[in-house]
N, C-alpha and C. Protein backbone atom coordinates (compact mmCIF):
# COMPACT_ATOMS: atom_id res chain seq x y z
N MET A 1 128.95 80.23 64.27
CA MET A 1 129.22 80.42 65.67
C MET A 1 130.47 79.63 66.02
N LYS A 2 131.33 80.23 66.77
CA LYS A 2 132.52 79.53 67.23
C LYS A 2 132.50 79.48 68.75
N GLY A 3 132.68 78.30 69.27
CA GLY A 3 132.73 78.16 70.72
C GLY A 3 131.55 78.82 71.40
N ALA A 4 130.35 78.44 71.00
CA ALA A 4 129.16 79.10 71.49
C ALA A 4 128.38 78.20 72.44
N ALA A 5 127.48 78.83 73.17
CA ALA A 5 126.56 78.10 74.04
C ALA A 5 125.24 78.85 74.05
N ALA A 6 124.16 78.12 74.22
CA ALA A 6 122.83 78.72 74.24
C ALA A 6 122.33 78.93 75.66
N ARG A 7 123.12 78.54 76.62
CA ARG A 7 122.73 78.68 78.03
C ARG A 7 123.97 78.80 78.89
N LYS A 8 123.73 79.08 80.15
CA LYS A 8 124.85 79.22 81.08
C LYS A 8 125.68 77.94 81.07
N TYR A 9 126.96 78.09 81.15
CA TYR A 9 127.81 76.91 81.14
C TYR A 9 128.87 76.95 82.23
N ALA A 10 129.24 78.12 82.67
CA ALA A 10 130.32 78.22 83.66
C ALA A 10 129.99 77.46 84.93
N ASN A 11 128.76 77.57 85.39
CA ASN A 11 128.43 76.89 86.64
C ASN A 11 127.67 75.59 86.43
N SER A 12 127.54 75.17 85.17
CA SER A 12 126.79 73.94 84.92
C SER A 12 127.64 72.81 84.35
N SER A 13 128.90 73.07 84.06
CA SER A 13 129.74 72.03 83.48
C SER A 13 131.17 72.12 84.01
N SER A 14 131.61 71.06 84.61
CA SER A 14 132.98 71.04 85.13
C SER A 14 134.01 70.96 84.00
N GLU A 15 133.54 70.81 82.75
CA GLU A 15 134.43 70.87 81.58
C GLU A 15 134.89 72.30 81.33
N CYS A 16 134.13 73.25 81.87
CA CYS A 16 134.41 74.67 81.66
C CYS A 16 135.41 75.18 82.68
N ILE A 17 136.39 75.91 82.22
CA ILE A 17 137.44 76.43 83.10
C ILE A 17 136.90 77.45 84.12
N TYR A 18 135.69 77.95 83.89
CA TYR A 18 135.07 78.89 84.82
C TYR A 18 134.20 78.18 85.86
N HIS A 19 134.19 76.86 85.85
CA HIS A 19 133.45 76.07 86.83
C HIS A 19 134.39 75.71 87.98
N PRO A 20 133.93 75.84 89.22
CA PRO A 20 134.81 75.57 90.37
C PRO A 20 135.44 74.18 90.40
N ASP A 21 134.84 73.20 89.74
CA ASP A 21 135.40 71.84 89.74
C ASP A 21 136.41 71.59 88.63
N HIS A 22 136.60 72.57 87.76
CA HIS A 22 137.61 72.41 86.69
C HIS A 22 139.00 72.49 87.32
N PRO A 23 139.93 71.64 86.91
CA PRO A 23 141.26 71.63 87.53
C PRO A 23 142.04 72.94 87.40
N GLN A 24 141.73 73.76 86.40
CA GLN A 24 142.44 75.03 86.21
C GLN A 24 141.64 76.24 86.69
N PHE A 25 140.49 76.00 87.32
CA PHE A 25 139.60 77.07 87.76
C PHE A 25 140.31 78.10 88.64
N ASP A 26 140.96 77.65 89.69
CA ASP A 26 141.58 78.58 90.63
C ASP A 26 142.62 79.46 89.95
N ARG A 27 143.43 78.86 89.10
CA ARG A 27 144.47 79.66 88.42
C ARG A 27 143.83 80.66 87.46
N MET A 28 142.80 80.24 86.73
CA MET A 28 142.12 81.16 85.82
C MET A 28 141.53 82.33 86.60
N GLN A 29 140.91 82.06 87.73
CA GLN A 29 140.31 83.14 88.52
C GLN A 29 141.38 84.09 89.06
N GLN A 30 142.50 83.54 89.49
CA GLN A 30 143.60 84.38 89.96
C GLN A 30 144.10 85.30 88.84
N LEU A 31 144.24 84.73 87.66
CA LEU A 31 144.73 85.52 86.53
C LEU A 31 143.73 86.61 86.14
N ILE A 32 142.45 86.29 86.13
CA ILE A 32 141.43 87.28 85.80
C ILE A 32 141.46 88.43 86.79
N GLU A 33 141.48 88.11 88.06
CA GLU A 33 141.49 89.17 89.08
C GLU A 33 142.78 89.98 89.02
N THR A 34 143.88 89.33 88.76
CA THR A 34 145.16 90.04 88.63
C THR A 34 145.12 90.99 87.45
N LEU A 35 144.57 90.54 86.33
CA LEU A 35 144.52 91.37 85.12
C LEU A 35 143.56 92.54 85.25
N LYS A 36 142.68 92.52 86.21
CA LYS A 36 141.78 93.65 86.45
C LYS A 36 142.49 94.80 87.18
N ARG A 37 143.63 94.51 87.77
CA ARG A 37 144.35 95.53 88.54
C ARG A 37 144.94 96.59 87.63
N PRO A 38 144.67 97.86 87.94
CA PRO A 38 145.21 98.94 87.11
C PRO A 38 146.69 99.23 87.37
N ASP A 39 147.24 98.71 88.45
CA ASP A 39 148.62 99.03 88.81
C ASP A 39 149.66 98.08 88.21
N LEU A 40 149.25 97.15 87.37
CA LEU A 40 150.21 96.23 86.75
C LEU A 40 151.09 96.98 85.76
N SER A 41 152.36 96.63 85.75
CA SER A 41 153.24 97.19 84.73
C SER A 41 152.90 96.53 83.40
N PRO A 42 153.25 97.15 82.29
CA PRO A 42 152.98 96.54 80.99
C PRO A 42 153.57 95.13 80.86
N SER A 43 154.76 94.93 81.39
CA SER A 43 155.38 93.60 81.27
C SER A 43 154.66 92.57 82.14
N GLU A 44 154.20 92.98 83.33
CA GLU A 44 153.42 92.07 84.17
C GLU A 44 152.10 91.72 83.49
N ARG A 45 151.44 92.74 82.96
CA ARG A 45 150.16 92.52 82.27
C ARG A 45 150.34 91.55 81.11
N GLU A 46 151.40 91.74 80.36
CA GLU A 46 151.67 90.86 79.22
C GLU A 46 151.92 89.42 79.69
N ARG A 47 152.69 89.26 80.74
CA ARG A 47 153.01 87.93 81.26
C ARG A 47 151.76 87.21 81.76
N PHE A 48 150.92 87.89 82.55
CA PHE A 48 149.71 87.27 83.08
C PHE A 48 148.69 87.00 81.97
N SER A 49 148.59 87.91 81.04
CA SER A 49 147.68 87.73 79.91
C SER A 49 148.09 86.52 79.07
N LYS A 50 149.38 86.40 78.84
CA LYS A 50 149.90 85.27 78.07
C LYS A 50 149.59 83.96 78.79
N GLU A 51 149.80 83.92 80.09
CA GLU A 51 149.51 82.70 80.86
C GLU A 51 148.02 82.37 80.79
N ARG A 52 147.17 83.39 80.90
CA ARG A 52 145.72 83.18 80.83
C ARG A 52 145.32 82.61 79.47
N THR A 53 145.84 83.17 78.42
CA THR A 53 145.52 82.70 77.07
C THR A 53 146.01 81.28 76.86
N LYS A 54 147.18 80.96 77.37
CA LYS A 54 147.73 79.61 77.21
C LYS A 54 146.82 78.54 77.82
N LEU A 55 146.03 78.90 78.83
CA LEU A 55 145.11 77.94 79.42
C LEU A 55 144.02 77.51 78.43
N SER A 56 143.85 78.29 77.37
CA SER A 56 142.82 78.00 76.37
C SER A 56 143.40 77.58 75.04
N LEU A 57 144.63 77.12 75.04
CA LEU A 57 145.28 76.62 73.82
C LEU A 57 145.53 75.12 73.94
N PHE A 58 145.29 74.41 72.85
CA PHE A 58 145.57 72.98 72.82
C PHE A 58 147.08 72.73 72.89
N HIS A 59 147.84 73.58 72.22
CA HIS A 59 149.30 73.54 72.27
C HIS A 59 149.81 74.86 72.84
N PRO A 60 149.84 75.02 74.17
CA PRO A 60 150.25 76.29 74.76
C PRO A 60 151.67 76.72 74.35
N ASP A 61 152.51 75.74 74.03
CA ASP A 61 153.87 76.04 73.63
C ASP A 61 153.92 76.79 72.28
N LYS A 62 152.81 76.84 71.56
CA LYS A 62 152.77 77.54 70.28
C LYS A 62 152.19 78.95 70.41
N TYR A 63 152.09 79.43 71.63
CA TYR A 63 151.51 80.77 71.86
C TYR A 63 152.16 81.83 70.97
N ASP A 64 153.48 81.86 70.94
CA ASP A 64 154.19 82.90 70.17
C ASP A 64 153.93 82.77 68.67
N GLU A 65 153.68 81.57 68.21
CA GLU A 65 153.32 81.36 66.80
C GLU A 65 151.92 81.90 66.51
N TYR A 66 150.99 81.66 67.43
CA TYR A 66 149.61 82.10 67.25
C TYR A 66 149.45 83.60 67.46
N PHE A 67 150.22 84.15 68.36
CA PHE A 67 150.13 85.57 68.70
C PHE A 67 151.50 86.22 68.49
N PRO A 68 151.88 86.43 67.24
CA PRO A 68 153.19 87.02 66.98
C PRO A 68 153.26 88.47 67.47
N LEU A 69 154.47 89.01 67.45
CA LEU A 69 154.65 90.40 67.87
C LEU A 69 153.67 91.30 67.12
N GLY A 70 153.11 92.23 67.81
CA GLY A 70 152.15 93.14 67.19
C GLY A 70 150.71 92.72 67.40
N ILE A 71 150.49 91.47 67.78
CA ILE A 71 149.14 91.01 68.09
C ILE A 71 149.09 90.80 69.60
N HIS A 72 148.19 91.53 70.24
CA HIS A 72 148.09 91.45 71.70
C HIS A 72 146.71 90.98 72.10
N LYS A 73 146.67 89.97 72.92
CA LYS A 73 145.42 89.44 73.45
C LYS A 73 145.19 90.13 74.78
N LYS A 74 144.11 90.92 74.87
CA LYS A 74 143.83 91.66 76.10
C LYS A 74 142.51 91.22 76.69
N MET A 75 142.40 91.39 77.99
CA MET A 75 141.16 91.10 78.68
C MET A 75 140.53 92.43 79.08
N SER A 76 139.27 92.58 78.81
CA SER A 76 138.53 93.78 79.20
C SER A 76 137.82 93.48 80.52
N ALA A 77 138.23 94.16 81.59
CA ALA A 77 137.62 93.92 82.90
C ALA A 77 136.12 94.19 82.90
N PRO A 78 135.64 95.32 82.33
CA PRO A 78 134.18 95.54 82.32
C PRO A 78 133.44 94.45 81.53
N ARG A 79 134.01 94.02 80.41
CA ARG A 79 133.38 92.97 79.62
C ARG A 79 133.33 91.66 80.41
N MET A 80 134.41 91.33 81.10
CA MET A 80 134.47 90.11 81.90
C MET A 80 133.46 90.16 83.05
N ASP A 81 133.36 91.31 83.72
CA ASP A 81 132.39 91.46 84.81
C ASP A 81 130.96 91.30 84.28
N PHE A 82 130.68 91.90 83.12
CA PHE A 82 129.36 91.79 82.50
C PHE A 82 129.07 90.33 82.15
N PHE A 83 130.04 89.69 81.54
CA PHE A 83 129.89 88.27 81.16
C PHE A 83 129.57 87.41 82.37
N ILE A 84 130.29 87.58 83.44
CA ILE A 84 130.10 86.76 84.64
C ILE A 84 128.69 86.96 85.18
N ARG A 85 128.22 88.19 85.19
CA ARG A 85 126.88 88.48 85.70
C ARG A 85 125.80 87.92 84.77
N GLU A 86 125.90 88.20 83.48
CA GLU A 86 124.87 87.81 82.52
C GLU A 86 124.87 86.31 82.22
N GLU A 87 126.02 85.69 82.25
CA GLU A 87 126.11 84.27 81.92
C GLU A 87 125.28 83.43 82.88
N MET A 88 125.12 83.89 84.09
CA MET A 88 124.39 83.13 85.10
C MET A 88 122.89 83.04 84.80
N ILE A 89 122.35 83.97 84.01
CA ILE A 89 120.91 83.96 83.71
C ILE A 89 120.62 83.67 82.24
N PHE A 90 121.64 83.53 81.44
CA PHE A 90 121.50 83.37 80.00
C PHE A 90 120.99 81.97 79.66
N ASP A 91 119.90 81.89 78.90
CA ASP A 91 119.40 80.61 78.41
C ASP A 91 118.43 80.86 77.26
N VAL A 92 118.85 80.53 76.07
CA VAL A 92 117.99 80.67 74.89
C VAL A 92 117.75 79.32 74.22
N THR A 93 117.98 78.24 74.95
CA THR A 93 117.84 76.91 74.35
C THR A 93 116.44 76.67 73.79
N ARG A 94 115.40 77.17 74.46
CA ARG A 94 114.03 76.97 73.98
C ARG A 94 113.75 77.72 72.68
N GLU A 95 114.59 78.67 72.36
CA GLU A 95 114.39 79.47 71.15
C GLU A 95 115.14 78.89 69.94
N LEU A 96 116.07 78.00 70.16
CA LEU A 96 116.93 77.50 69.07
C LEU A 96 116.14 76.80 67.97
N GLU A 97 115.09 76.12 68.30
CA GLU A 97 114.30 75.42 67.29
C GLU A 97 113.63 76.38 66.31
N LYS A 98 113.57 77.65 66.67
CA LYS A 98 112.95 78.67 65.81
C LYS A 98 113.91 79.21 64.75
N ILE A 99 115.18 78.89 64.88
CA ILE A 99 116.16 79.37 63.89
C ILE A 99 115.89 78.65 62.58
N SER A 100 115.66 79.41 61.52
CA SER A 100 115.30 78.79 60.24
C SER A 100 116.40 78.92 59.19
N THR A 101 117.46 79.57 59.53
CA THR A 101 118.55 79.75 58.57
C THR A 101 119.62 78.68 58.77
N ASN A 102 120.37 78.43 57.73
CA ASN A 102 121.50 77.51 57.87
C ASN A 102 122.46 78.08 58.91
N THR A 103 122.94 77.22 59.76
CA THR A 103 123.80 77.66 60.85
C THR A 103 125.02 76.76 60.94
N LEU A 104 126.19 77.36 60.94
CA LEU A 104 127.45 76.62 61.08
C LEU A 104 127.95 76.83 62.50
N ILE A 105 128.19 75.73 63.19
CA ILE A 105 128.69 75.76 64.56
C ILE A 105 130.09 75.17 64.53
N LEU A 106 131.06 75.92 65.03
CA LEU A 106 132.45 75.49 65.03
C LEU A 106 132.93 75.39 66.47
N SER A 107 133.62 74.30 66.78
CA SER A 107 134.08 74.11 68.15
C SER A 107 135.41 73.37 68.19
N GLY A 108 136.25 73.79 69.11
CA GLY A 108 137.46 73.04 69.39
C GLY A 108 137.09 71.87 70.30
N ARG A 109 137.56 70.69 69.99
CA ARG A 109 137.23 69.51 70.80
C ARG A 109 137.64 69.71 72.26
N HIS A 110 138.70 70.46 72.50
CA HIS A 110 139.25 70.61 73.85
C HIS A 110 138.98 71.99 74.44
N ASP A 111 137.93 72.66 73.97
CA ASP A 111 137.63 74.03 74.42
C ASP A 111 137.28 74.05 75.90
N VAL A 112 138.08 74.75 76.68
CA VAL A 112 137.85 74.83 78.12
C VAL A 112 136.99 76.03 78.49
N GLN A 113 136.85 76.98 77.59
CA GLN A 113 136.01 78.13 77.90
C GLN A 113 134.55 77.86 77.56
N CYS A 114 134.32 77.28 76.41
CA CYS A 114 132.97 76.95 75.97
C CYS A 114 133.00 75.50 75.48
N PRO A 115 132.84 74.56 76.38
CA PRO A 115 133.03 73.14 76.06
C PRO A 115 132.19 72.62 74.90
N LEU A 116 132.74 71.64 74.23
CA LEU A 116 132.12 71.02 73.06
C LEU A 116 130.69 70.57 73.34
N SER A 117 130.40 70.10 74.52
CA SER A 117 129.06 69.60 74.83
C SER A 117 127.98 70.66 74.57
N PHE A 118 128.32 71.93 74.71
CA PHE A 118 127.34 72.99 74.46
C PHE A 118 127.13 73.22 72.97
N SER A 119 128.16 73.03 72.19
CA SER A 119 128.01 73.11 70.73
C SER A 119 127.20 71.91 70.24
N LEU A 120 127.41 70.74 70.82
CA LEU A 120 126.63 69.55 70.47
C LEU A 120 125.14 69.79 70.77
N GLU A 121 124.88 70.39 71.91
CA GLU A 121 123.50 70.70 72.28
C GLU A 121 122.86 71.65 71.27
N MET A 122 123.56 72.70 70.89
CA MET A 122 123.03 73.65 69.91
C MET A 122 122.78 72.97 68.57
N ASN A 123 123.70 72.11 68.17
CA ASN A 123 123.55 71.40 66.91
C ASN A 123 122.29 70.53 66.91
N GLU A 124 122.00 69.92 68.04
CA GLU A 124 120.79 69.09 68.15
C GLU A 124 119.52 69.93 68.09
N LEU A 125 119.57 71.16 68.59
CA LEU A 125 118.36 71.97 68.73
C LEU A 125 118.10 72.92 67.55
N ILE A 126 119.12 73.25 66.78
CA ILE A 126 118.93 74.14 65.63
C ILE A 126 118.67 73.27 64.40
N PRO A 127 117.50 73.41 63.79
CA PRO A 127 117.11 72.51 62.69
C PRO A 127 118.10 72.40 61.52
N LYS A 128 118.57 73.49 61.00
CA LYS A 128 119.46 73.42 59.83
C LYS A 128 120.88 73.79 60.23
N SER A 129 121.38 73.09 61.25
CA SER A 129 122.74 73.39 61.70
C SER A 129 123.71 72.30 61.30
N GLN A 130 124.94 72.69 61.22
CA GLN A 130 126.03 71.76 60.93
C GLN A 130 127.14 72.06 61.94
N LEU A 131 127.62 71.04 62.59
CA LEU A 131 128.68 71.18 63.58
C LEU A 131 129.98 70.65 63.01
N ILE A 132 131.02 71.46 63.10
CA ILE A 132 132.36 71.03 62.73
C ILE A 132 133.21 71.11 63.99
N VAL A 133 133.86 70.00 64.32
CA VAL A 133 134.71 69.92 65.51
C VAL A 133 136.17 69.88 65.06
N PHE A 134 136.94 70.76 65.64
CA PHE A 134 138.38 70.82 65.34
C PHE A 134 139.11 70.03 66.43
N ASN A 135 139.66 68.89 66.04
CA ASN A 135 140.21 67.94 66.99
C ASN A 135 141.51 68.37 67.65
N GLU A 136 142.23 69.28 67.03
CA GLU A 136 143.51 69.73 67.58
C GLU A 136 143.40 71.17 68.09
N SER A 137 142.22 71.52 68.61
CA SER A 137 141.99 72.89 69.06
C SER A 137 141.33 72.93 70.43
N ASN A 138 141.60 74.03 71.09
CA ASN A 138 140.95 74.38 72.34
C ASN A 138 139.98 75.51 71.98
N HIS A 139 140.16 76.71 72.50
CA HIS A 139 139.24 77.82 72.28
C HIS A 139 139.52 78.62 71.01
N TYR A 140 140.61 78.36 70.34
CA TYR A 140 141.03 79.16 69.20
C TYR A 140 141.25 78.34 67.93
N PRO A 141 140.25 77.63 67.41
CA PRO A 141 140.47 76.82 66.20
C PRO A 141 140.89 77.66 64.99
N PHE A 142 140.48 78.92 64.96
CA PHE A 142 140.87 79.80 63.85
C PHE A 142 142.36 80.10 63.86
N LEU A 143 143.04 79.86 64.98
CA LEU A 143 144.49 79.99 65.07
C LEU A 143 145.17 78.62 65.09
N GLU A 144 144.62 77.73 65.89
CA GLU A 144 145.25 76.43 66.11
C GLU A 144 145.16 75.50 64.90
N GLU A 145 144.11 75.63 64.12
CA GLU A 145 143.95 74.85 62.89
C GLU A 145 143.52 75.80 61.77
N LYS A 146 144.34 76.81 61.60
CA LYS A 146 144.02 77.93 60.71
C LYS A 146 143.64 77.50 59.29
N SER A 147 144.42 76.66 58.68
CA SER A 147 144.14 76.23 57.30
C SER A 147 142.83 75.46 57.21
N LEU A 148 142.63 74.52 58.10
CA LEU A 148 141.40 73.74 58.11
C LEU A 148 140.20 74.65 58.40
N PHE A 149 140.36 75.56 59.33
CA PHE A 149 139.29 76.49 59.68
C PHE A 149 138.87 77.30 58.45
N ARG A 150 139.84 77.85 57.74
CA ARG A 150 139.54 78.62 56.53
C ARG A 150 138.86 77.75 55.47
N GLN A 151 139.34 76.54 55.32
CA GLN A 151 138.77 75.61 54.35
C GLN A 151 137.31 75.31 54.69
N VAL A 152 137.03 75.06 55.95
CA VAL A 152 135.67 74.76 56.41
C VAL A 152 134.74 75.95 56.12
N ILE A 153 135.20 77.14 56.44
CA ILE A 153 134.38 78.34 56.20
C ILE A 153 134.13 78.51 54.71
N SER A 154 135.17 78.40 53.93
CA SER A 154 135.06 78.57 52.48
C SER A 154 134.09 77.54 51.88
N THR A 155 134.25 76.29 52.24
CA THR A 155 133.39 75.23 51.75
C THR A 155 131.94 75.47 52.16
N TYR A 156 131.73 75.83 53.41
CA TYR A 156 130.38 76.09 53.89
C TYR A 156 129.72 77.23 53.12
N LEU A 157 130.45 78.28 52.91
CA LEU A 157 129.89 79.42 52.18
C LEU A 157 129.55 79.04 50.73
N LYS A 158 130.43 78.30 50.10
CA LYS A 158 130.18 77.87 48.71
C LYS A 158 128.94 76.98 48.63
N GLU A 159 128.77 76.13 49.62
CA GLU A 159 127.66 75.16 49.59
C GLU A 159 126.33 75.74 50.06
N THR A 160 126.35 76.77 50.86
CA THR A 160 125.10 77.24 51.45
C THR A 160 124.65 78.63 51.01
N VAL A 161 125.55 79.43 50.51
CA VAL A 161 125.18 80.79 50.14
C VAL A 161 124.89 80.83 48.63
N SER A 162 123.70 81.22 48.32
CA SER A 162 123.36 81.39 46.91
C SER A 162 123.12 82.87 46.64
N TYR A 163 123.62 83.32 45.54
CA TYR A 163 123.51 84.76 45.23
C TYR A 163 122.37 85.02 44.31
């Protein structure tokens, strides 16, 4: 699991950019609503999307390195609307102790979308879980610390998967 939570987090943690007390909340909400508009030109959509994504990067100045030409980060308005509605009632924390398989939890230390505290909570509640925190990452450790991320996955698979 990467940047995961077992319960609602947007309205329960000011560490989350979707919480009204987060310093970037207003800008994130403006960008989300703007990106839902069907009348945006492609260049406007790209500019607002880029700004929105940068809010979830530890090094926003490396956006072009992480998302080179040909890779486009898009927001799905129906998916976002569904997420906002469902996230408010989502809570499976009482079920986590029932997970009996090895579980790898990966989190960026500075994740503003799904804060580290929620990954810590899952790690405490899932019996055979292992938490790896990427110290130089926000929401995208697979991009921001690509080599380390791949190494962690590879090592975990070698150590836990038996054929």
